[in-house]
Amino acid sequence: MRMHRLLGFGVFMIIVISLKSEMLLVNGGINLRIGSVLAESGGMNDLEVVEGYLQLEMAEDAMTELRDISSGEHVTERYQELLLATEMMLQRWGEAAETAKGLCVMNASEKSYFIHAAFCLHEVGETEEALRQLLSGPGALLSDALYYYNLACYNAVLGNLTDARHCLDKSFELDPELEVTSRDDDDLRGLFVFEGDGFFPE
């Protein structure tokens, strides 16, 4: 489940640990645009500093900077996005799950928050809750291959193999490249063993 045990999760988590300029945190969810921010503004505010630390993979420094930002900023969506990105980079899955769930409430139309929240819940062993969280997301998820892929992974782990296969087939239909990814995904191993496919590489 992890294209990253951080870019992917059998649930294809997409926050690539080696963040590059202009990269997106989870399927278009959170932009880290430090290069263009500097070009446009000629300087950096506190949240932009956090973005810079994340781009440099300096998550501890990003967390320190976040803690130093005035409490009035803490309730903003942008602050919470960056807090989530930092917690995920630090693999603080429990804290990240709570932050992501808060973002789902703050902006229920942003599909990436539901993908993040579900991933983090799955990481702490709360796969049933992860499944419920993902299913509660906005309608925009229904055209997203990653949504179906993640549903397949969660269902497979929970033993819902028929649902897992249906969701996996749908994800392949929307993004054929996921079929390659699935072959190395431990979360799906039970599904393929059950079906006798057995094409996981050694």
Protein backbone atom coordinates (compact mmCIF):
# COMPACT_ATOMS: atom_id res chain seq x y z
CA MET A 1 0.00 0.00 0.00
CA ARG A 2 2.46 2.61 -0.22
CA MET A 3 3.88 4.13 -3.15
CA HIS A 4 5.62 5.92 -0.72
CA ARG A 5 5.11 4.23 2.37
CA LEU A 6 4.63 7.82 1.91
CA LEU A 7 3.64 8.19 -1.76
CA GLY A 8 1.21 5.71 -1.88
CA PHE A 9 -0.48 3.43 0.22
CA GLY A 10 -1.84 0.27 -0.77
CA VAL A 11 -3.63 3.08 -0.54
CA PHE A 12 -1.73 5.05 -2.93
CA MET A 13 -0.71 7.90 -0.79
CA ILE A 14 0.60 10.73 -2.70
CA ILE A 15 2.82 13.01 -0.79
CA VAL A 16 6.13 12.29 -2.26
CA ILE A 17 8.72 12.43 0.41
CA SER A 18 11.23 13.98 -1.90
CA LEU A 19 9.16 17.07 -2.56
CA LYS A 20 10.10 19.01 -5.67
CA SER A 21 9.13 22.52 -6.66
CA GLU A 22 5.59 22.81 -7.94
CA MET A 23 4.76 19.35 -6.60
CA LEU A 24 1.31 18.55 -5.32
CA LEU A 25 0.54 16.83 -2.07
CA VAL A 26 -1.98 14.16 -2.88
CA ASN A 27 -3.60 14.26 -6.19
CA GLY A 28 -3.63 17.99 -6.58
CA GLY A 29 -4.48 18.64 -2.99
CA ILE A 30 -1.81 20.84 -1.43
CA ASN A 31 0.50 22.98 -3.52
CA LEU A 32 4.04 23.56 -2.32
CA ARG A 33 5.07 26.43 -4.54
CA ILE A 34 8.02 27.98 -2.81
CA GLY A 35 9.87 28.88 -6.01
CA SER A 36 6.97 30.73 -7.57
CA VAL A 37 6.01 32.34 -4.26
CA LEU A 38 9.45 33.89 -3.99
CA ALA A 39 9.34 35.06 -7.55
CA GLU A 40 5.95 36.67 -7.13
CA SER A 41 6.34 38.27 -3.73
CA GLY A 42 10.03 38.92 -3.29
CA GLY A 43 9.84 37.60 0.25
CA MET A 44 8.34 34.95 2.49
CA ASN A 45 5.73 35.00 5.20
CA ASP A 46 5.70 32.43 7.99
CA LEU A 47 3.64 29.85 6.12
CA GLU A 48 5.86 30.19 3.08
CA VAL A 49 8.85 29.47 5.31
CA VAL A 50 7.10 26.26 6.36
CA GLU A 51 6.61 25.39 2.69
CA GLY A 52 10.31 25.95 2.11
CA TYR A 53 11.28 23.59 4.92
CA LEU A 54 8.95 20.93 3.53
CA GLN A 55 10.49 21.25 0.09
CA LEU A 56 13.88 20.68 1.67
CA GLU A 57 12.49 17.68 3.57
CA MET A 58 13.19 19.45 6.87
CA ALA A 59 10.00 18.40 8.57
CA GLU A 60 11.19 18.98 12.14
CA ASP A 61 12.07 22.57 11.24
CA ALA A 62 8.72 22.97 9.55
CA MET A 63 6.99 21.79 12.74
CA THR A 64 9.02 24.21 14.87
CA GLU A 65 8.05 27.06 12.55
CA LEU A 66 4.39 26.06 12.68
CA ARG A 67 4.43 26.08 16.48
CA ASP A 68 5.90 29.58 16.47
CA ILE A 69 3.20 31.02 14.23
CA SER A 70 0.57 33.09 16.05
CA SER A 71 -2.43 31.12 17.29
CA GLY A 72 -4.75 33.20 15.13
CA GLU A 73 -3.31 31.48 12.05
CA HIS A 74 -3.88 28.01 13.46
CA VAL A 75 -7.55 27.99 12.51
CA THR A 76 -6.92 28.77 8.85
CA GLU A 77 -7.20 26.09 6.20
CA ARG A 78 -3.73 26.84 4.83
CA TYR A 79 -2.11 26.40 8.26
CA GLN A 80 -3.92 23.12 8.78
CA GLU A 81 -2.87 21.90 5.31
CA LEU A 82 0.77 22.56 6.10
CA LEU A 83 0.42 21.01 9.55
CA LEU A 84 -0.99 17.89 7.91
CA ALA A 85 1.82 17.76 5.35
CA THR A 86 4.40 18.08 8.15
CA GLU A 87 2.79 15.43 10.35
CA MET A 88 2.62 13.03 7.42
CA MET A 89 6.23 13.62 6.49
CA LEU A 90 7.15 12.89 10.11
CA GLN A 91 4.93 9.79 9.96
CA ARG A 92 2.94 10.96 12.97
CA TRP A 93 -0.09 9.15 11.66
CA GLY A 94 -2.39 9.55 14.63
CA GLU A 95 -1.92 13.30 14.81
CA ALA A 96 -2.15 13.56 11.02
CA ALA A 97 -5.43 11.62 11.03
CA GLU A 98 -6.98 14.12 13.42
CA THR A 99 -5.69 17.08 11.41
CA ALA A 100 -6.98 15.61 8.16
CA LYS A 101 -10.39 14.85 9.65
CA GLY A 102 -10.58 18.45 10.82
CA LEU A 103 -9.81 19.62 7.29
CA CYS A 104 -12.61 17.39 5.97
CA VAL A 105 -14.99 19.30 8.22
CA MET A 106 -13.46 22.66 7.36
CA ASN A 107 -13.77 22.09 3.60
CA ALA A 108 -15.89 19.07 2.77
CA SER A 109 -15.60 19.71 -0.97
CA GLU A 110 -11.83 19.08 -1.06
CA LYS A 111 -11.43 15.44 -2.01
CA SER A 112 -7.74 15.21 -1.15
CA TYR A 113 -8.49 15.77 2.55
CA PHE A 114 -10.59 12.60 2.61
CA ILE A 115 -7.85 10.64 0.84
CA HIS A 116 -5.30 11.87 3.38
CA ALA A 117 -7.53 11.23 6.37
CA ALA A 118 -8.29 7.69 5.26
CA PHE A 119 -4.64 6.94 4.62
CA CYS A 120 -3.59 8.13 8.04
CA LEU A 121 -6.36 6.17 9.74
CA HIS A 122 -5.28 3.06 7.87
CA GLU A 123 -1.69 3.63 9.01
CA VAL A 124 -2.75 3.45 12.66
CA GLY A 125 -4.74 0.28 12.06
CA GLU A 126 -8.17 1.90 11.85
CA THR A 127 -8.97 0.51 8.41
CA GLU A 128 -12.73 0.29 8.96
CA GLU A 129 -12.83 3.95 9.94
CA ALA A 130 -10.57 4.74 6.97
CA LEU A 131 -13.10 3.11 4.67
CA ARG A 132 -15.98 5.06 6.19
CA GLN A 133 -14.02 8.30 5.98
CA LEU A 134 -13.24 7.82 2.32
CA LEU A 135 -16.80 6.85 1.45
CA SER A 136 -18.06 10.01 3.13
CA GLY A 137 -16.10 12.26 0.77
CA PRO A 138 -17.43 14.56 -1.94
CA GLY A 139 -18.86 13.42 -5.26
CA ALA A 140 -15.70 14.57 -7.05
CA LEU A 141 -14.02 11.41 -5.75
CA LEU A 142 -16.22 9.27 -7.98
CA SER A 143 -14.15 10.17 -11.03
CA ASP A 144 -10.82 9.69 -9.26
CA ALA A 145 -8.86 6.48 -9.90
CA LEU A 146 -7.01 6.84 -6.60
CA TYR A 147 -10.32 6.83 -4.71
CA TYR A 148 -11.25 3.44 -6.14
CA TYR A 149 -7.75 2.07 -5.69
CA ASN A 150 -7.73 3.05 -2.04
CA LEU A 151 -11.20 1.58 -1.55
CA ALA A 152 -9.89 -1.65 -3.07
CA CYS A 153 -6.98 -1.72 -0.63
CA TYR A 154 -9.11 -1.06 2.44
CA ASN A 155 -11.73 -3.60 1.39
CA ALA A 156 -9.06 -6.21 0.70
CA VAL A 157 -7.52 -5.72 4.13
CA LEU A 158 -10.95 -6.02 5.72
CA GLY A 159 -11.71 -9.21 3.78
CA ASN A 160 -14.36 -7.68 1.52
CA LEU A 161 -12.78 -9.28 -1.53
CA THR A 162 -15.66 -8.92 -3.98
CA ASP A 163 -15.93 -5.19 -3.26
CA ALA A 164 -12.15 -4.92 -3.44
CA ARG A 165 -12.04 -6.46 -6.91
CA HIS A 166 -14.85 -4.24 -8.18
CA CYS A 167 -13.10 -1.11 -6.93
CA LEU A 168 -9.73 -2.23 -8.25
CA ASP A 169 -11.13 -2.87 -11.72
CA LYS A 170 -12.70 0.60 -11.68
CA SER A 171 -9.38 2.18 -10.70
CA PHE A 172 -7.63 0.38 -13.60
CA GLU A 173 -10.32 1.60 -15.98
CA LEU A 174 -9.66 5.21 -14.93
CA ASP A 175 -5.88 4.87 -14.71
CA PRO A 176 -4.34 1.75 -16.32
CA GLU A 177 -0.95 2.50 -14.73
CA LEU A 178 -2.36 1.52 -11.35
CA GLU A 179 -2.38 -2.09 -12.50
CA VAL A 180 1.41 -2.08 -12.36
CA THR A 181 1.37 -0.44 -8.94
CA SER A 182 -1.03 -3.05 -7.60
CA ARG A 183 1.43 -5.87 -8.20
CA ASP A 184 3.70 -4.65 -5.40
CA ASP A 185 0.95 -3.67 -3.01
CA ASP A 186 0.86 -5.75 0.14
CA ASP A 187 -2.65 -4.57 0.95
CA LEU A 188 -3.90 -6.32 -2.17
CA ARG A 189 -1.93 -9.52 -1.75
CA GLY A 190 -4.86 -11.35 -0.14
CA LEU A 191 -7.08 -10.44 -3.07
CA PHE A 192 -4.72 -11.86 -5.67
CA VAL A 193 -3.99 -14.98 -3.63
CA PHE A 194 -7.73 -15.49 -3.24
CA GLU A 195 -8.20 -15.22 -6.99
CA GLY A 196 -5.17 -17.34 -7.75
CA ASP A 197 -3.46 -14.60 -9.74
CA GLY A 198 -0.25 -14.77 -7.75
CA PHE A 199 1.73 -12.36 -9.89
CA PHE A 200 3.56 -10.53 -7.14
CA PRO A 201 7.30 -10.42 -7.79
CA GLU A 202 9.69 -11.88 -5.25
